[in-house]
Amino acid sequence: MFFTVWLSTHIGVQKVDRGLIRAALMLGTPRRQMLQEIVLLGALPYIVVGLRTAVSISFYTLVAAELPVGRSKSPGYGHLKLPHLMIAVSAAEQQ
């Protein structure tokens, strides 16, 4: 899941308007403030999308990992029928 967040953050930082960065440098903005107020805020939508995607992937991975466990007579989701499981997954995503 790290790769998903890292990749979206990397793309978000690359998409920050270079004109804003040049303007901040010309006005004498300290680098730390420039990173916080221009780069981080410009990349924030991409970071949030990466986090949201990583959470979705984690949830699906958890469900997939539980399926075989449930079929071997131990607690898990494998005893559920697949259509019921997909309804539960889609209901959880909508909340």
N, C-alpha and C. Protein backbone atom coordinates (compact mmCIF):
# COMPACT_ATOMS: atom_id res chain seq x y z
N MET A 1 0.81 -1.17 0.00
CA MET A 1 0.00 0.00 0.00
C MET A 1 0.87 1.25 0.00
N PHE A 2 2.10 1.10 0.46
CA PHE A 2 3.01 2.23 0.47
C PHE A 2 3.23 2.76 -0.94
N PHE A 3 3.39 1.84 -1.90
CA PHE A 3 3.69 2.26 -3.27
C PHE A 3 2.57 3.13 -3.84
N THR A 4 1.33 2.81 -3.55
CA THR A 4 0.20 3.57 -4.05
C THR A 4 0.24 5.01 -3.54
N VAL A 5 0.48 5.17 -2.25
CA VAL A 5 0.53 6.50 -1.66
C VAL A 5 1.76 7.25 -2.16
N TRP A 6 2.89 6.57 -2.22
CA TRP A 6 4.12 7.22 -2.67
C TRP A 6 3.98 7.68 -4.12
N LEU A 7 3.43 6.83 -4.98
CA LEU A 7 3.30 7.18 -6.38
C LEU A 7 2.37 8.37 -6.57
N SER A 8 1.24 8.38 -5.90
CA SER A 8 0.32 9.50 -6.06
C SER A 8 0.91 10.79 -5.47
N THR A 9 1.65 10.69 -4.38
CA THR A 9 2.32 11.86 -3.81
C THR A 9 3.37 12.39 -4.76
N HIS A 10 4.13 11.51 -5.34
CA HIS A 10 5.18 11.90 -6.30
C HIS A 10 4.58 12.63 -7.50
N ILE A 11 3.50 12.07 -8.04
CA ILE A 11 2.84 12.70 -9.18
C ILE A 11 2.25 14.05 -8.77
N GLY A 12 1.67 14.13 -7.57
CA GLY A 12 1.11 15.38 -7.09
C GLY A 12 2.14 16.47 -6.94
N VAL A 13 3.32 16.13 -6.44
CA VAL A 13 4.38 17.12 -6.30
C VAL A 13 4.87 17.57 -7.67
N GLN A 14 4.92 16.66 -8.62
CA GLN A 14 5.33 17.05 -9.98
C GLN A 14 4.32 17.96 -10.65
N LYS A 15 3.04 17.84 -10.29
CA LYS A 15 1.99 18.62 -10.93
C LYS A 15 1.81 20.02 -10.32
N VAL A 16 2.55 20.33 -9.25
CA VAL A 16 2.43 21.66 -8.64
C VAL A 16 2.92 22.70 -9.65
N ASP A 17 2.19 23.79 -9.75
CA ASP A 17 2.50 24.85 -10.71
C ASP A 17 3.89 25.44 -10.43
N ARG A 18 4.77 25.33 -11.40
CA ARG A 18 6.14 25.84 -11.24
C ARG A 18 6.16 27.36 -11.12
N GLY A 19 5.18 28.01 -11.70
CA GLY A 19 5.10 29.47 -11.59
C GLY A 19 4.90 29.92 -10.15
N LEU A 20 4.10 29.17 -9.40
CA LEU A 20 3.91 29.50 -7.99
C LEU A 20 5.19 29.33 -7.20
N ILE A 21 5.94 28.29 -7.52
CA ILE A 21 7.21 28.06 -6.82
C ILE A 21 8.21 29.15 -7.15
N ARG A 22 8.30 29.53 -8.43
CA ARG A 22 9.21 30.61 -8.82
C ARG A 22 8.81 31.93 -8.18
N ALA A 23 7.52 32.22 -8.14
CA ALA A 23 7.05 33.46 -7.53
C ALA A 23 7.38 33.49 -6.04
N ALA A 24 7.21 32.37 -5.36
CA ALA A 24 7.53 32.32 -3.93
C ALA A 24 9.02 32.52 -3.70
N LEU A 25 9.85 31.93 -4.55
CA LEU A 25 11.29 32.11 -4.42
C LEU A 25 11.69 33.56 -4.68
N MET A 26 11.08 34.19 -5.67
CA MET A 26 11.40 35.59 -5.98
C MET A 26 10.97 36.53 -4.85
N LEU A 27 9.91 36.19 -4.14
CA LEU A 27 9.44 37.02 -3.04
C LEU A 27 10.19 36.75 -1.74
N GLY A 28 11.12 35.80 -1.78
CA GLY A 28 11.95 35.52 -0.61
C GLY A 28 11.29 34.61 0.42
N THR A 29 10.37 33.79 -0.01
CA THR A 29 9.70 32.87 0.91
C THR A 29 10.70 31.81 1.38
N PRO A 30 10.77 31.58 2.69
CA PRO A 30 11.65 30.50 3.16
C PRO A 30 11.23 29.14 2.59
N ARG A 31 12.20 28.28 2.38
CA ARG A 31 11.92 26.98 1.74
C ARG A 31 10.92 26.15 2.54
N ARG A 32 11.02 26.18 3.85
CA ARG A 32 10.10 25.39 4.68
C ARG A 32 8.66 25.88 4.49
N GLN A 33 8.48 27.18 4.48
CA GLN A 33 7.14 27.74 4.30
C GLN A 33 6.64 27.44 2.88
N MET A 34 7.53 27.49 1.91
CA MET A 34 7.14 27.19 0.53
C MET A 34 6.69 25.73 0.41
N LEU A 35 7.40 24.82 1.07
CA LEU A 35 7.00 23.41 1.03
C LEU A 35 5.65 23.21 1.69
N GLN A 36 5.42 23.88 2.82
CA GLN A 36 4.17 23.70 3.54
C GLN A 36 3.00 24.33 2.81
N GLU A 37 3.16 25.53 2.30
CA GLU A 37 2.02 26.28 1.78
C GLU A 37 1.80 26.14 0.28
N ILE A 38 2.81 25.78 -0.47
CA ILE A 38 2.63 25.67 -1.92
C ILE A 38 2.68 24.22 -2.36
N VAL A 39 3.76 23.55 -2.06
CA VAL A 39 3.95 22.19 -2.56
C VAL A 39 2.97 21.22 -1.88
N LEU A 40 2.89 21.27 -0.56
CA LEU A 40 2.02 20.34 0.15
C LEU A 40 0.55 20.58 -0.19
N LEU A 41 0.13 21.83 -0.20
CA LEU A 41 -1.27 22.13 -0.52
C LEU A 41 -1.59 21.83 -1.98
N GLY A 42 -0.62 22.00 -2.87
CA GLY A 42 -0.83 21.69 -4.28
C GLY A 42 -0.92 20.19 -4.54
N ALA A 43 -0.18 19.41 -3.76
CA ALA A 43 -0.17 17.96 -3.94
C ALA A 43 -1.22 17.25 -3.08
N LEU A 44 -1.88 17.98 -2.20
CA LEU A 44 -2.82 17.36 -1.27
C LEU A 44 -3.94 16.55 -1.93
N PRO A 45 -4.56 17.02 -3.02
CA PRO A 45 -5.59 16.18 -3.65
C PRO A 45 -5.05 14.84 -4.13
N TYR A 46 -3.84 14.82 -4.65
CA TYR A 46 -3.24 13.57 -5.11
C TYR A 46 -2.92 12.65 -3.92
N ILE A 47 -2.46 13.23 -2.82
CA ILE A 47 -2.15 12.45 -1.64
C ILE A 47 -3.42 11.79 -1.08
N VAL A 48 -4.50 12.56 -1.04
CA VAL A 48 -5.77 12.01 -0.52
C VAL A 48 -6.28 10.88 -1.41
N VAL A 49 -6.16 11.05 -2.72
CA VAL A 49 -6.58 9.98 -3.64
C VAL A 49 -5.72 8.73 -3.43
N GLY A 50 -4.43 8.90 -3.23
CA GLY A 50 -3.56 7.76 -2.97
C GLY A 50 -3.92 7.05 -1.68
N LEU A 51 -4.22 7.81 -0.63
CA LEU A 51 -4.63 7.20 0.63
C LEU A 51 -5.95 6.46 0.49
N ARG A 52 -6.88 7.06 -0.23
CA ARG A 52 -8.19 6.42 -0.43
C ARG A 52 -8.04 5.11 -1.22
N THR A 53 -7.21 5.14 -2.24
CA THR A 53 -6.97 3.93 -3.03
C THR A 53 -6.28 2.85 -2.19
N ALA A 54 -5.32 3.26 -1.37
CA ALA A 54 -4.61 2.29 -0.53
C ALA A 54 -5.54 1.65 0.49
N VAL A 55 -6.45 2.42 1.05
CA VAL A 55 -7.41 1.86 2.00
C VAL A 55 -8.32 0.86 1.30
N SER A 56 -8.77 1.19 0.09
CA SER A 56 -9.61 0.26 -0.67
C SER A 56 -8.88 -1.04 -0.97
N ILE A 57 -7.64 -0.91 -1.42
CA ILE A 57 -6.85 -2.11 -1.73
C ILE A 57 -6.63 -2.94 -0.47
N SER A 58 -6.37 -2.27 0.65
CA SER A 58 -6.17 -2.99 1.91
C SER A 58 -7.42 -3.76 2.31
N PHE A 59 -8.58 -3.12 2.13
CA PHE A 59 -9.82 -3.78 2.50
C PHE A 59 -10.08 -5.00 1.63
N TYR A 60 -9.88 -4.86 0.32
CA TYR A 60 -10.08 -6.01 -0.57
C TYR A 60 -9.07 -7.11 -0.28
N THR A 61 -7.84 -6.75 0.05
CA THR A 61 -6.84 -7.75 0.39
C THR A 61 -7.22 -8.50 1.67
N LEU A 62 -7.76 -7.77 2.63
CA LEU A 62 -8.21 -8.40 3.87
C LEU A 62 -9.33 -9.40 3.60
N VAL A 63 -10.29 -9.01 2.77
CA VAL A 63 -11.39 -9.91 2.45
C VAL A 63 -10.87 -11.13 1.71
N ALA A 64 -9.97 -10.92 0.75
CA ALA A 64 -9.42 -12.04 -0.01
C ALA A 64 -8.61 -12.98 0.89
N ALA A 65 -7.93 -12.44 1.87
CA ALA A 65 -7.15 -13.28 2.79
C ALA A 65 -8.06 -14.07 3.72
N GLU A 66 -9.22 -13.54 4.02
CA GLU A 66 -10.15 -14.23 4.92
C GLU A 66 -10.92 -15.35 4.23
N LEU A 67 -11.06 -15.29 2.92
CA LEU A 67 -11.86 -16.29 2.22
C LEU A 67 -11.36 -17.72 2.40
N PRO A 68 -10.08 -18.01 2.18
CA PRO A 68 -9.64 -19.39 2.37
C PRO A 68 -9.72 -19.83 3.83
N VAL A 69 -9.52 -18.92 4.75
CA VAL A 69 -9.58 -19.27 6.17
C VAL A 69 -10.98 -19.72 6.53
N GLY A 70 -11.98 -19.04 6.00
CA GLY A 70 -13.36 -19.39 6.30
C GLY A 70 -13.78 -20.73 5.73
N ARG A 71 -13.14 -21.17 4.68
CA ARG A 71 -13.51 -22.45 4.07
C ARG A 71 -12.88 -23.62 4.80
N SER A 72 -11.94 -23.37 5.67
CA SER A 72 -11.30 -24.47 6.38
C SER A 72 -11.88 -24.64 7.78
N LYS A 73 -13.14 -24.30 7.95
CA LYS A 73 -13.90 -24.49 9.20
C LYS A 73 -13.37 -23.66 10.36
N SER A 74 -12.63 -22.61 10.07
CA SER A 74 -12.21 -21.69 11.12
C SER A 74 -12.90 -20.35 10.86
N PRO A 75 -12.93 -19.45 11.83
CA PRO A 75 -13.66 -18.20 11.63
C PRO A 75 -13.12 -17.42 10.44
N GLY A 76 -14.00 -16.94 9.62
CA GLY A 76 -13.62 -16.16 8.45
C GLY A 76 -14.84 -15.89 7.60
N TYR A 77 -14.63 -15.27 6.47
CA TYR A 77 -15.73 -14.90 5.59
C TYR A 77 -16.02 -15.96 4.53
N GLY A 78 -15.26 -17.02 4.49
CA GLY A 78 -15.41 -18.01 3.45
C GLY A 78 -16.72 -18.77 3.49
N HIS A 79 -17.39 -18.79 4.64
CA HIS A 79 -18.66 -19.50 4.73
C HIS A 79 -19.79 -18.72 4.07
N LEU A 80 -19.59 -17.45 3.76
CA LEU A 80 -20.61 -16.65 3.09
C LEU A 80 -20.63 -16.95 1.59
N LYS A 81 -21.76 -16.81 1.00
CA LYS A 81 -21.86 -16.94 -0.46
C LYS A 81 -21.27 -15.68 -1.08
N LEU A 82 -20.66 -15.80 -2.25
CA LEU A 82 -19.97 -14.67 -2.87
C LEU A 82 -20.89 -13.47 -3.13
N PRO A 83 -22.12 -13.62 -3.62
CA PRO A 83 -22.96 -12.42 -3.81
C PRO A 83 -23.22 -11.67 -2.50
N HIS A 84 -23.41 -12.40 -1.40
CA HIS A 84 -23.62 -11.74 -0.11
C HIS A 84 -22.38 -10.99 0.31
N LEU A 85 -21.22 -11.57 0.03
CA LEU A 85 -19.97 -10.93 0.40
C LEU A 85 -19.76 -9.65 -0.40
N MET A 86 -20.07 -9.67 -1.70
CA MET A 86 -19.89 -8.48 -2.53
C MET A 86 -20.85 -7.38 -2.11
N ILE A 87 -22.05 -7.74 -1.69
CA ILE A 87 -22.99 -6.73 -1.19
C ILE A 87 -22.45 -6.10 0.08
N ALA A 88 -21.86 -6.91 0.95
CA ALA A 88 -21.30 -6.38 2.19
C ALA A 88 -20.11 -5.46 1.91
N VAL A 89 -19.28 -5.82 0.94
CA VAL A 89 -18.13 -4.99 0.60
C VAL A 89 -18.60 -3.67 0.01
N SER A 90 -19.55 -3.69 -0.90
CA SER A 90 -20.01 -2.44 -1.52
C SER A 90 -20.74 -1.57 -0.50
N ALA A 91 -21.44 -2.18 0.45
CA ALA A 91 -22.11 -1.39 1.49
C ALA A 91 -21.09 -0.73 2.41
N ALA A 92 -20.00 -1.42 2.69
CA ALA A 92 -18.97 -0.84 3.54
C ALA A 92 -18.25 0.31 2.86
N GLU A 93 -18.08 0.24 1.53
CA GLU A 93 -17.42 1.32 0.79
C GLU A 93 -18.28 2.58 0.76
N GLN A 94 -19.56 2.44 0.75
CA GLN A 94 -20.44 3.59 0.63
C GLN A 94 -20.58 4.35 1.93
N GLN A 95 -20.14 3.81 3.04
CA GLN A 95 -20.28 4.49 4.33
C GLN A 95 -19.22 5.51 4.54
